[in-house]
Amino acid sequence: MLTSFDTRVQNIKCSGCVNTIEKNIGAMPGVQHVSVSQATGMVSITGVGLNPKELKEKLAALGYPPEEENNLFKKLKTSIQCAFKQ
């Protein structure tokens, strides 16, 4: 059964951030579509057998944690990533 998962994340600063999320989350098992809004920080994922906990953990590992889980290290990580992509 097709399900969806939506979450607002922090640290999306550029189109490279959007591409990183789409590529890495899109490669996870069961994920069929990923949509990321740079303006709002909203990540929408659809697929089969989605595990919200695993999705949040992967987003956080990439440097884009849910709003309530952000910290200085994760902010710096994404800032550094953006600097190298430009």
C-alpha atoms as a PDB file:
ATOM      1  CA  MET A   1       0.000   0.000   0.000  1.00  0.00           C
ATOM      2  CA  LEU A   2       1.322   3.414  -0.990  1.00  0.00           C
ATOM      3  CA  THR A   3       1.852   5.729   2.003  1.00  0.00           C
ATOM      4  CA  SER A   4       3.252   9.180   2.522  1.00  0.00           C
ATOM      5  CA  PHE A   5       5.425  10.832   5.140  1.00  0.00           C
ATOM      6  CA  ASP A   6       5.845  14.591   5.554  1.00  0.00           C
ATOM      7  CA  THR A   7       8.243  16.417   7.844  1.00  0.00           C
ATOM      8  CA  ARG A   8       9.717  19.880   8.108  1.00  0.00           C
ATOM      9  CA  VAL A   9      13.514  19.844   8.345  1.00  0.00           C
ATOM     10  CA  GLN A  10      16.205  22.404   9.101  1.00  0.00           C
ATOM     11  CA  ASN A  11      19.342  23.537   7.280  1.00  0.00           C
ATOM     12  CA  ILE A  12      18.132  23.492   3.657  1.00  0.00           C
ATOM     13  CA  LYS A  13      20.157  26.369   2.257  1.00  0.00           C
ATOM     14  CA  CYS A  14      20.485  25.770  -1.485  1.00  0.00           C
ATOM     15  CA  SER A  15      19.446  23.612  -4.424  1.00  0.00           C
ATOM     16  CA  GLY A  16      22.392  21.321  -3.629  1.00  0.00           C
ATOM     17  CA  CYS A  17      20.757  20.566  -0.278  1.00  0.00           C
ATOM     18  CA  VAL A  18      17.510  19.733  -2.076  1.00  0.00           C
ATOM     19  CA  ASN A  19      19.368  17.420  -4.477  1.00  0.00           C
ATOM     20  CA  THR A  20      21.202  15.689  -1.620  1.00  0.00           C
ATOM     21  CA  ILE A  21      17.938  14.913   0.155  1.00  0.00           C
ATOM     22  CA  GLU A  22      16.146  13.783  -3.006  1.00  0.00           C
ATOM     23  CA  LYS A  23      19.022  11.530  -4.096  1.00  0.00           C
ATOM     24  CA  ASN A  24      19.731   9.890  -0.728  1.00  0.00           C
ATOM     25  CA  ILE A  25      16.166   9.488   0.515  1.00  0.00           C
ATOM     26  CA  GLY A  26      15.050   8.420  -2.959  1.00  0.00           C
ATOM     27  CA  ALA A  27      17.567   5.556  -2.830  1.00  0.00           C
ATOM     28  CA  MET A  28      16.067   4.099   0.354  1.00  0.00           C
ATOM     29  CA  PRO A  29      14.045   0.869   0.037  1.00  0.00           C
ATOM     30  CA  GLY A  30      10.376   1.425  -0.718  1.00  0.00           C
ATOM     31  CA  VAL A  31      10.702   5.134  -1.529  1.00  0.00           C
ATOM     32  CA  GLN A  32       9.066   6.037  -4.826  1.00  0.00           C
ATOM     33  CA  HIS A  33       9.022   9.843  -4.769  1.00  0.00           C
ATOM     34  CA  VAL A  34      10.673  12.637  -2.767  1.00  0.00           C
ATOM     35  CA  SER A  35       9.674  16.284  -2.923  1.00  0.00           C
ATOM     36  CA  VAL A  36      11.660  18.978  -1.081  1.00  0.00           C
ATOM     37  CA  SER A  37      10.761  22.647  -0.643  1.00  0.00           C
ATOM     38  CA  GLN A  38      13.802  24.832  -0.092  1.00  0.00           C
ATOM     39  CA  ALA A  39      11.548  27.747   0.925  1.00  0.00           C
ATOM     40  CA  THR A  40       9.624  25.935   3.666  1.00  0.00           C
ATOM     41  CA  GLY A  41      11.932  23.045   4.589  1.00  0.00           C
ATOM     42  CA  MET A  42       9.124  20.583   3.947  1.00  0.00           C
ATOM     43  CA  VAL A  43      10.098  17.097   2.804  1.00  0.00           C
ATOM     44  CA  SER A  44       7.327  14.881   1.393  1.00  0.00           C
ATOM     45  CA  ILE A  45       8.050  11.224   0.746  1.00  0.00           C
ATOM     46  CA  THR A  46       5.782   8.609  -0.807  1.00  0.00           C
ATOM     47  CA  GLY A  47       6.394   4.911  -1.113  1.00  0.00           C
ATOM     48  CA  VAL A  48       5.593   1.435   0.123  1.00  0.00           C
ATOM     49  CA  GLY A  49       6.397   0.316   3.668  1.00  0.00           C
ATOM     50  CA  LEU A  50       7.888   3.628   4.772  1.00  0.00           C
ATOM     51  CA  ASN A  51       9.403   3.720   8.245  1.00  0.00           C
ATOM     52  CA  PRO A  52       9.150   7.294   9.612  1.00  0.00           C
ATOM     53  CA  LYS A  53      11.838   6.663  12.235  1.00  0.00           C
ATOM     54  CA  GLU A  54      14.342   5.458   9.614  1.00  0.00           C
ATOM     55  CA  LEU A  55      13.491   8.378   7.328  1.00  0.00           C
ATOM     56  CA  LYS A  56      14.049  10.908  10.139  1.00  0.00           C
ATOM     57  CA  GLU A  57      17.323   9.218  11.105  1.00  0.00           C
ATOM     58  CA  LYS A  58      18.565   9.324   7.499  1.00  0.00           C
ATOM     59  CA  LEU A  59      17.600  12.988   7.128  1.00  0.00           C
ATOM     60  CA  ALA A  60      19.407  13.810  10.376  1.00  0.00           C
ATOM     61  CA  ALA A  61      22.489  11.837   9.285  1.00  0.00           C
ATOM     62  CA  LEU A  62      22.547  13.890   6.070  1.00  0.00           C
ATOM     63  CA  GLY A  63      22.468  17.083   8.182  1.00  0.00           C
ATOM     64  CA  TYR A  64      18.763  17.891   7.757  1.00  0.00           C
ATOM     65  CA  PRO A  65      17.105  16.977  11.062  1.00  0.00           C
ATOM     66  CA  PRO A  66      13.456  17.556  11.881  1.00  0.00           C
ATOM     67  CA  GLU A  67      13.020  21.054  13.337  1.00  0.00           C
ATOM     68  CA  GLU A  68      12.898  19.858  16.923  1.00  0.00           C
ATOM     69  CA  GLU A  69      16.150  17.890  16.607  1.00  0.00           C
ATOM     70  CA  ASN A  70      18.499  20.523  15.175  1.00  0.00           C
ATOM     71  CA  ASN A  71      21.813  21.377  16.839  1.00  0.00           C
ATOM     72  CA  LEU A  72      24.916  23.449  16.119  1.00  0.00           C
ATOM     73  CA  PHE A  73      26.881  20.514  14.654  1.00  0.00           C
ATOM     74  CA  LYS A  74      24.165  19.727  12.098  1.00  0.00           C
ATOM     75  CA  LYS A  75      23.875  23.414  11.126  1.00  0.00           C
ATOM     76  CA  LEU A  76      27.635  23.609  10.549  1.00  0.00           C
ATOM     77  CA  LYS A  77      27.667  20.336   8.608  1.00  0.00           C
ATOM     78  CA  THR A  78      25.184  21.597   6.043  1.00  0.00           C
ATOM     79  CA  SER A  79      26.853  25.015   5.807  1.00  0.00           C
ATOM     80  CA  ILE A  80      30.147  23.326   4.961  1.00  0.00           C
ATOM     81  CA  GLN A  81      28.441  21.060   2.410  1.00  0.00           C
ATOM     82  CA  CYS A  82      26.865  24.084   0.718  1.00  0.00           C
ATOM     83  CA  ALA A  83      30.212  25.881   0.547  1.00  0.00           C
ATOM     84  CA  PHE A  84      31.785  22.972  -1.338  1.00  0.00           C
ATOM     85  CA  LYS A  85      28.859  22.588  -3.763  1.00  0.00           C
ATOM     86  CA  GLN A  86      29.010  26.182  -4.979  1.00  0.00           C
END
